[in-house]
């Protein structure tokens, strides 16, 4: 289920920035990631879900006060950060595609960076 939600978020984000001029998005201005201070099950978060761009225009940032997801959009699209803001934990750190879909017999990767080697952590 978590993987499906991740894929749906990626597809939604792709549709948003495909239809939006990146320069029309607000610039991400936080120097460090703001951590959620309240339990979101008890108190509604003050932040609204927003789509931002990085100052240099190379990244799209999805943020809702609980999770921050960053996609590098040039030269190709790949998720470079997926962070739980209630505890600061990185949820993924991989260059591999998150999923693969087949449309009319053609395979397409969802996310990932082709040609990059994943380094094992010991």
N, C-alpha and C. Protein backbone atom coordinates (compact mmCIF):
# COMPACT_ATOMS: atom_id res chain seq x y z
N UNK A 1 0.83 -1.19 0.00
CA UNK A 1 0.00 0.00 0.00
C UNK A 1 0.88 1.26 0.00
N UNK A 2 1.93 1.24 0.83
CA UNK A 2 2.83 2.39 0.91
C UNK A 2 3.47 2.66 -0.44
N UNK A 3 3.85 1.58 -1.13
CA UNK A 3 4.48 1.73 -2.45
C UNK A 3 3.49 2.29 -3.46
N UNK A 4 2.23 1.82 -3.40
CA UNK A 4 1.20 2.32 -4.31
C UNK A 4 0.97 3.82 -4.09
N UNK A 5 0.89 4.23 -2.82
CA UNK A 5 0.72 5.66 -2.52
C UNK A 5 1.89 6.46 -3.04
N UNK A 6 3.07 5.91 -2.92
CA UNK A 6 4.27 6.59 -3.40
C UNK A 6 4.21 6.77 -4.91
N UNK A 7 3.78 5.72 -5.61
CA UNK A 7 3.67 5.79 -7.07
C UNK A 7 2.61 6.80 -7.48
N UNK A 8 1.47 6.78 -6.79
CA UNK A 8 0.41 7.73 -7.10
C UNK A 8 0.86 9.17 -6.85
N UNK A 9 1.62 9.39 -5.77
CA UNK A 9 2.15 10.72 -5.49
C UNK A 9 3.10 11.15 -6.60
N UNK A 10 3.94 10.24 -7.06
CA UNK A 10 4.88 10.55 -8.14
C UNK A 10 4.13 10.92 -9.42
N UNK A 11 3.12 10.14 -9.78
CA UNK A 11 2.35 10.40 -10.99
C UNK A 11 1.61 11.73 -10.88
N UNK A 12 1.03 12.00 -9.71
CA UNK A 12 0.33 13.27 -9.49
C UNK A 12 1.31 14.45 -9.62
N UNK A 13 2.47 14.31 -9.00
CA UNK A 13 3.47 15.38 -9.08
C UNK A 13 3.91 15.59 -10.52
N UNK A 14 4.09 14.49 -11.27
CA UNK A 14 4.49 14.61 -12.68
C UNK A 14 3.44 15.37 -13.47
N UNK A 15 2.18 15.08 -13.21
CA UNK A 15 1.10 15.77 -13.92
C UNK A 15 1.07 17.25 -13.55
N UNK A 16 1.31 17.56 -12.29
CA UNK A 16 1.30 18.95 -11.84
C UNK A 16 2.38 19.75 -12.55
N UNK A 17 3.63 19.27 -12.51
CA UNK A 17 4.68 20.10 -13.10
C UNK A 17 4.73 20.00 -14.61
N UNK A 18 4.11 19.00 -15.20
CA UNK A 18 4.02 18.96 -16.66
C UNK A 18 3.09 20.05 -17.17
N UNK A 19 2.11 20.43 -16.36
CA UNK A 19 1.13 21.44 -16.76
C UNK A 19 1.45 22.82 -16.19
N UNK A 20 2.49 22.92 -15.41
CA UNK A 20 2.80 24.15 -14.72
C UNK A 20 4.18 24.64 -15.13
N UNK A 21 4.29 25.92 -15.39
CA UNK A 21 5.59 26.51 -15.62
C UNK A 21 6.31 26.52 -14.26
N UNK A 22 7.47 25.90 -14.21
CA UNK A 22 8.18 25.77 -12.93
C UNK A 22 8.44 27.14 -12.29
N UNK A 23 8.62 28.16 -13.09
CA UNK A 23 8.89 29.49 -12.55
C UNK A 23 7.68 30.10 -11.85
N UNK A 24 6.50 29.53 -12.08
CA UNK A 24 5.31 30.04 -11.41
C UNK A 24 5.13 29.46 -10.01
N UNK A 25 5.93 28.43 -9.67
CA UNK A 25 5.83 27.84 -8.34
C UNK A 25 6.58 28.69 -7.32
N UNK A 26 6.11 28.71 -6.07
CA UNK A 26 6.85 29.43 -5.04
C UNK A 26 8.19 28.74 -4.77
N UNK A 27 9.19 29.53 -4.39
CA UNK A 27 10.53 29.01 -4.10
C UNK A 27 10.58 28.47 -2.68
N UNK A 28 11.18 27.30 -2.50
CA UNK A 28 11.39 26.71 -1.17
C UNK A 28 12.40 27.57 -0.43
N UNK A 29 12.00 28.14 0.72
CA UNK A 29 12.86 29.10 1.41
C UNK A 29 13.41 28.62 2.74
N UNK A 30 13.02 27.40 3.16
CA UNK A 30 13.53 26.90 4.44
C UNK A 30 15.00 26.53 4.30
N UNK A 31 15.83 26.96 5.24
CA UNK A 31 17.25 26.59 5.23
C UNK A 31 17.44 25.16 5.70
N UNK A 32 16.61 24.73 6.63
CA UNK A 32 16.60 23.34 7.06
C UNK A 32 15.15 22.87 7.08
N UNK A 33 14.96 21.58 7.11
CA UNK A 33 13.60 21.06 7.06
C UNK A 33 12.86 21.33 8.37
N UNK A 34 11.69 21.93 8.29
CA UNK A 34 10.91 22.17 9.51
C UNK A 34 10.32 20.86 10.01
N UNK A 35 10.56 20.52 11.25
CA UNK A 35 10.00 19.30 11.81
C UNK A 35 8.61 19.58 12.36
N UNK A 36 7.72 18.60 12.20
CA UNK A 36 6.37 18.73 12.74
C UNK A 36 6.46 18.72 14.26
N UNK A 37 5.88 19.73 14.90
CA UNK A 37 5.98 19.86 16.35
C UNK A 37 4.84 19.20 17.09
N UNK A 38 3.71 19.03 16.43
CA UNK A 38 2.54 18.47 17.09
C UNK A 38 2.18 17.12 16.49
N UNK A 39 1.51 16.31 17.28
CA UNK A 39 1.00 15.04 16.80
C UNK A 39 -0.16 15.32 15.85
N UNK A 40 -0.01 14.98 14.58
CA UNK A 40 -1.01 15.32 13.57
C UNK A 40 -2.33 14.59 13.78
N UNK A 41 -2.34 13.53 14.59
CA UNK A 41 -3.60 12.85 14.90
C UNK A 41 -4.39 13.60 15.96
N UNK A 42 -3.70 14.42 16.75
CA UNK A 42 -4.35 15.17 17.82
C UNK A 42 -4.68 16.59 17.39
N UNK A 43 -3.73 17.23 16.71
CA UNK A 43 -3.91 18.61 16.28
C UNK A 43 -3.64 18.73 14.79
N UNK A 44 -4.56 19.33 14.07
CA UNK A 44 -4.42 19.51 12.62
C UNK A 44 -3.18 20.35 12.31
N UNK A 45 -2.35 19.87 11.38
CA UNK A 45 -1.16 20.66 11.02
C UNK A 45 -1.55 22.02 10.43
N UNK A 46 -0.77 23.03 10.73
CA UNK A 46 -1.03 24.38 10.23
C UNK A 46 -0.67 24.50 8.75
N UNK A 47 0.31 23.70 8.30
CA UNK A 47 0.77 23.78 6.92
C UNK A 47 -0.24 23.15 5.96
N UNK A 48 -0.34 23.72 4.81
CA UNK A 48 -1.15 23.16 3.74
C UNK A 48 -0.21 22.48 2.75
N UNK A 49 -0.70 21.46 2.08
CA UNK A 49 0.11 20.78 1.07
C UNK A 49 0.41 21.76 -0.05
N UNK A 50 1.68 21.86 -0.42
CA UNK A 50 2.12 22.81 -1.45
C UNK A 50 3.17 22.15 -2.34
N UNK A 51 3.31 22.70 -3.52
CA UNK A 51 4.37 22.31 -4.45
C UNK A 51 5.28 23.52 -4.60
N UNK A 52 6.58 23.32 -4.37
CA UNK A 52 7.57 24.38 -4.45
C UNK A 52 8.60 24.03 -5.51
N UNK A 53 9.45 24.99 -5.83
CA UNK A 53 10.62 24.74 -6.67
C UNK A 53 11.85 25.17 -5.88
N UNK A 54 12.98 24.57 -6.23
CA UNK A 54 14.22 24.99 -5.60
C UNK A 54 14.64 26.33 -6.20
N UNK A 55 15.52 27.04 -5.51
CA UNK A 55 15.95 28.36 -5.98
C UNK A 55 16.61 28.29 -7.35
N UNK A 56 17.35 27.20 -7.61
CA UNK A 56 18.02 27.08 -8.92
C UNK A 56 17.12 26.48 -9.99
N UNK A 57 15.89 26.05 -9.60
CA UNK A 57 14.93 25.54 -10.56
C UNK A 57 15.17 24.12 -11.03
N UNK A 58 16.01 23.37 -10.32
CA UNK A 58 16.31 21.99 -10.73
C UNK A 58 15.46 20.96 -9.99
N UNK A 59 14.77 21.39 -8.93
CA UNK A 59 14.01 20.47 -8.10
C UNK A 59 12.58 20.94 -7.91
N UNK A 60 11.68 19.97 -7.77
CA UNK A 60 10.30 20.20 -7.36
C UNK A 60 10.19 19.63 -5.96
N UNK A 61 9.59 20.36 -5.04
CA UNK A 61 9.46 19.94 -3.65
C UNK A 61 7.99 19.85 -3.29
N UNK A 62 7.57 18.66 -2.86
CA UNK A 62 6.22 18.46 -2.36
C UNK A 62 6.30 18.46 -0.83
N UNK A 63 5.45 19.24 -0.19
CA UNK A 63 5.54 19.44 1.25
C UNK A 63 4.14 19.59 1.82
N UNK A 64 3.88 18.89 2.92
CA UNK A 64 2.60 19.05 3.59
C UNK A 64 2.73 19.21 5.10
N UNK A 65 3.92 19.45 5.58
CA UNK A 65 4.15 19.62 7.01
C UNK A 65 4.49 18.33 7.71
N UNK A 66 4.15 17.20 7.11
CA UNK A 66 4.45 15.89 7.69
C UNK A 66 5.49 15.14 6.89
N UNK A 67 5.48 15.33 5.57
CA UNK A 67 6.40 14.65 4.67
C UNK A 67 6.91 15.66 3.65
N UNK A 68 8.18 15.53 3.30
CA UNK A 68 8.77 16.35 2.24
C UNK A 68 9.36 15.40 1.20
N UNK A 69 9.02 15.63 -0.05
CA UNK A 69 9.54 14.81 -1.12
C UNK A 69 10.13 15.72 -2.18
N UNK A 70 11.36 15.42 -2.59
CA UNK A 70 12.08 16.26 -3.56
C UNK A 70 12.36 15.44 -4.81
N UNK A 71 12.02 16.02 -5.96
CA UNK A 71 12.29 15.39 -7.25
C UNK A 71 13.25 16.27 -8.03
N UNK A 72 14.36 15.71 -8.48
CA UNK A 72 15.25 16.41 -9.40
C UNK A 72 14.61 16.26 -10.78
N UNK A 73 14.40 17.35 -11.48
CA UNK A 73 13.69 17.29 -12.75
C UNK A 73 14.58 17.51 -13.97
N UNK A 74 15.84 17.75 -13.75
CA UNK A 74 16.74 17.93 -14.88
C UNK A 74 18.06 17.23 -14.60
N UNK A 75 18.61 16.46 -15.46
CA UNK A 75 18.19 16.25 -16.84
C UNK A 75 17.03 15.25 -16.95
N UNK A 76 16.81 14.40 -15.95
CA UNK A 76 15.69 13.47 -15.91
C UNK A 76 15.04 13.58 -14.54
N UNK A 77 13.86 13.01 -14.39
CA UNK A 77 13.15 13.09 -13.13
C UNK A 77 13.50 11.91 -12.23
N UNK A 78 13.88 12.22 -10.99
CA UNK A 78 14.17 11.19 -10.00
C UNK A 78 13.89 11.75 -8.61
N UNK A 79 13.37 10.91 -7.73
CA UNK A 79 13.17 11.32 -6.35
C UNK A 79 14.52 11.28 -5.64
N UNK A 80 14.93 12.40 -5.08
CA UNK A 80 16.22 12.46 -4.40
C UNK A 80 16.08 12.55 -2.89
N UNK A 81 14.87 12.81 -2.41
CA UNK A 81 14.65 12.88 -0.96
C UNK A 81 13.19 12.58 -0.66
N UNK A 82 12.98 11.79 0.37
CA UNK A 82 11.64 11.47 0.86
C UNK A 82 11.78 11.40 2.36
N UNK A 83 11.32 12.43 3.06
CA UNK A 83 11.65 12.59 4.47
C UNK A 83 10.40 12.70 5.34
N UNK A 84 10.39 11.94 6.43
CA UNK A 84 9.35 12.01 7.45
C UNK A 84 9.70 13.20 8.35
N UNK A 85 8.86 14.22 8.37
CA UNK A 85 9.18 15.43 9.13
C UNK A 85 8.74 15.34 10.60
N UNK A 86 8.11 14.24 11.00
CA UNK A 86 7.79 14.10 12.42
C UNK A 86 9.00 13.64 13.21
N UNK A 87 9.97 12.98 12.53
CA UNK A 87 11.17 12.53 13.24
C UNK A 87 12.47 12.78 12.46
N UNK A 88 12.37 13.35 11.26
CA UNK A 88 13.55 13.65 10.46
C UNK A 88 14.14 12.47 9.71
N UNK A 89 13.47 11.32 9.73
CA UNK A 89 13.98 10.11 9.10
C UNK A 89 13.83 10.15 7.58
N UNK A 90 14.92 9.77 6.87
CA UNK A 90 14.86 9.59 5.43
C UNK A 90 14.12 8.30 5.15
N UNK A 91 13.10 8.34 4.30
CA UNK A 91 12.32 7.14 4.03
C UNK A 91 12.89 6.32 2.88
N UNK A 92 13.50 6.96 1.89
CA UNK A 92 14.16 6.22 0.82
C UNK A 92 15.45 6.93 0.45
N UNK A 93 16.39 6.14 0.01
CA UNK A 93 17.65 6.67 -0.51
C UNK A 93 18.16 5.67 -1.52
N UNK A 94 17.65 5.75 -2.71
CA UNK A 94 18.03 4.80 -3.74
C UNK A 94 17.96 5.46 -5.11
N UNK A 95 18.81 5.01 -6.00
CA UNK A 95 18.76 5.52 -7.37
C UNK A 95 17.95 4.60 -8.27
N UNK A 96 17.50 3.48 -7.72
CA UNK A 96 16.72 2.52 -8.49
C UNK A 96 15.31 3.07 -8.72
N UNK A 97 14.67 2.66 -9.82
CA UNK A 97 13.28 3.06 -10.04
C UNK A 97 12.38 2.55 -8.91
N UNK A 98 11.35 3.31 -8.59
CA UNK A 98 10.42 2.91 -7.54
C UNK A 98 9.44 1.87 -8.04
N UNK A 99 9.18 1.88 -9.33
CA UNK A 99 8.24 0.93 -9.92
C UNK A 99 8.50 0.87 -11.42
N UNK A 100 7.85 -0.09 -12.05
CA UNK A 100 7.91 -0.23 -13.50
C UNK A 100 6.49 -0.48 -13.98
N UNK A 101 6.08 0.24 -15.01
CA UNK A 101 4.76 0.01 -15.58
C UNK A 101 4.93 -0.40 -17.04
N UNK A 102 3.94 -1.11 -17.56
CA UNK A 102 3.95 -1.54 -18.94
C UNK A 102 2.72 -0.95 -19.63
N UNK A 103 2.96 -0.18 -20.69
CA UNK A 103 1.88 0.41 -21.48
C UNK A 103 2.07 -0.04 -22.92
N UNK A 104 1.07 -0.73 -23.45
CA UNK A 104 1.14 -1.25 -24.82
C UNK A 104 2.41 -2.07 -25.06
N UNK A 105 2.79 -2.87 -24.09
CA UNK A 105 3.96 -3.73 -24.21
C UNK A 105 5.29 -3.05 -23.99
N UNK A 106 5.31 -1.74 -23.79
CA UNK A 106 6.54 -0.99 -23.56
C UNK A 106 6.72 -0.76 -22.06
N UNK A 107 7.90 -1.10 -21.52
CA UNK A 107 8.18 -0.92 -20.10
C UNK A 107 8.69 0.50 -19.84
N UNK A 108 8.19 1.11 -18.76
CA UNK A 108 8.62 2.45 -18.34
C UNK A 108 8.96 2.40 -16.86
N UNK A 109 10.10 2.99 -16.51
CA UNK A 109 10.47 3.10 -15.10
C UNK A 109 9.78 4.30 -14.47
N UNK A 110 9.36 4.15 -13.23
CA UNK A 110 8.81 5.26 -12.46
C UNK A 110 9.91 5.70 -11.50
N UNK A 111 10.47 6.87 -11.75
CA UNK A 111 11.56 7.38 -10.92
C UNK A 111 12.86 6.67 -11.26
N UNK A 112 13.85 6.93 -10.44
CA UNK A 112 15.15 6.30 -10.64
C UNK A 112 16.05 7.11 -11.56
N UNK A 113 17.33 6.77 -11.52
CA UNK A 113 18.33 7.44 -12.35
C UNK A 113 19.09 6.36 -13.11
N UNK A 114 18.90 6.28 -14.41
CA UNK A 114 19.54 5.26 -15.23
C UNK A 114 21.05 5.47 -15.27
N UNK A 115 21.78 4.35 -15.20
CA UNK A 115 23.22 4.41 -15.33
C UNK A 115 23.98 4.69 -14.04
N UNK A 116 23.29 5.04 -12.98
CA UNK A 116 23.95 5.31 -11.70
C UNK A 116 24.14 4.00 -10.95
N UNK A 117 25.24 3.85 -10.28
CA UNK A 117 25.49 2.67 -9.48
C UNK A 117 25.08 2.92 -8.04
N UNK A 118 24.37 1.95 -7.48
CA UNK A 118 23.99 2.06 -6.07
C UNK A 118 25.12 1.49 -5.24
N UNK A 119 25.60 2.28 -4.29
CA UNK A 119 26.70 1.86 -3.44
C UNK A 119 26.16 1.16 -2.20
N UNK A 120 26.66 -0.03 -1.91
CA UNK A 120 26.19 -0.72 -0.69
C UNK A 120 26.69 0.00 0.55
N UNK A 121 25.89 -0.04 1.59
CA UNK A 121 26.27 0.56 2.88
C UNK A 121 26.63 -0.58 3.82
N UNK A 122 27.81 -0.52 4.36
CA UNK A 122 28.27 -1.59 5.28
C UNK A 122 28.28 -1.10 6.68
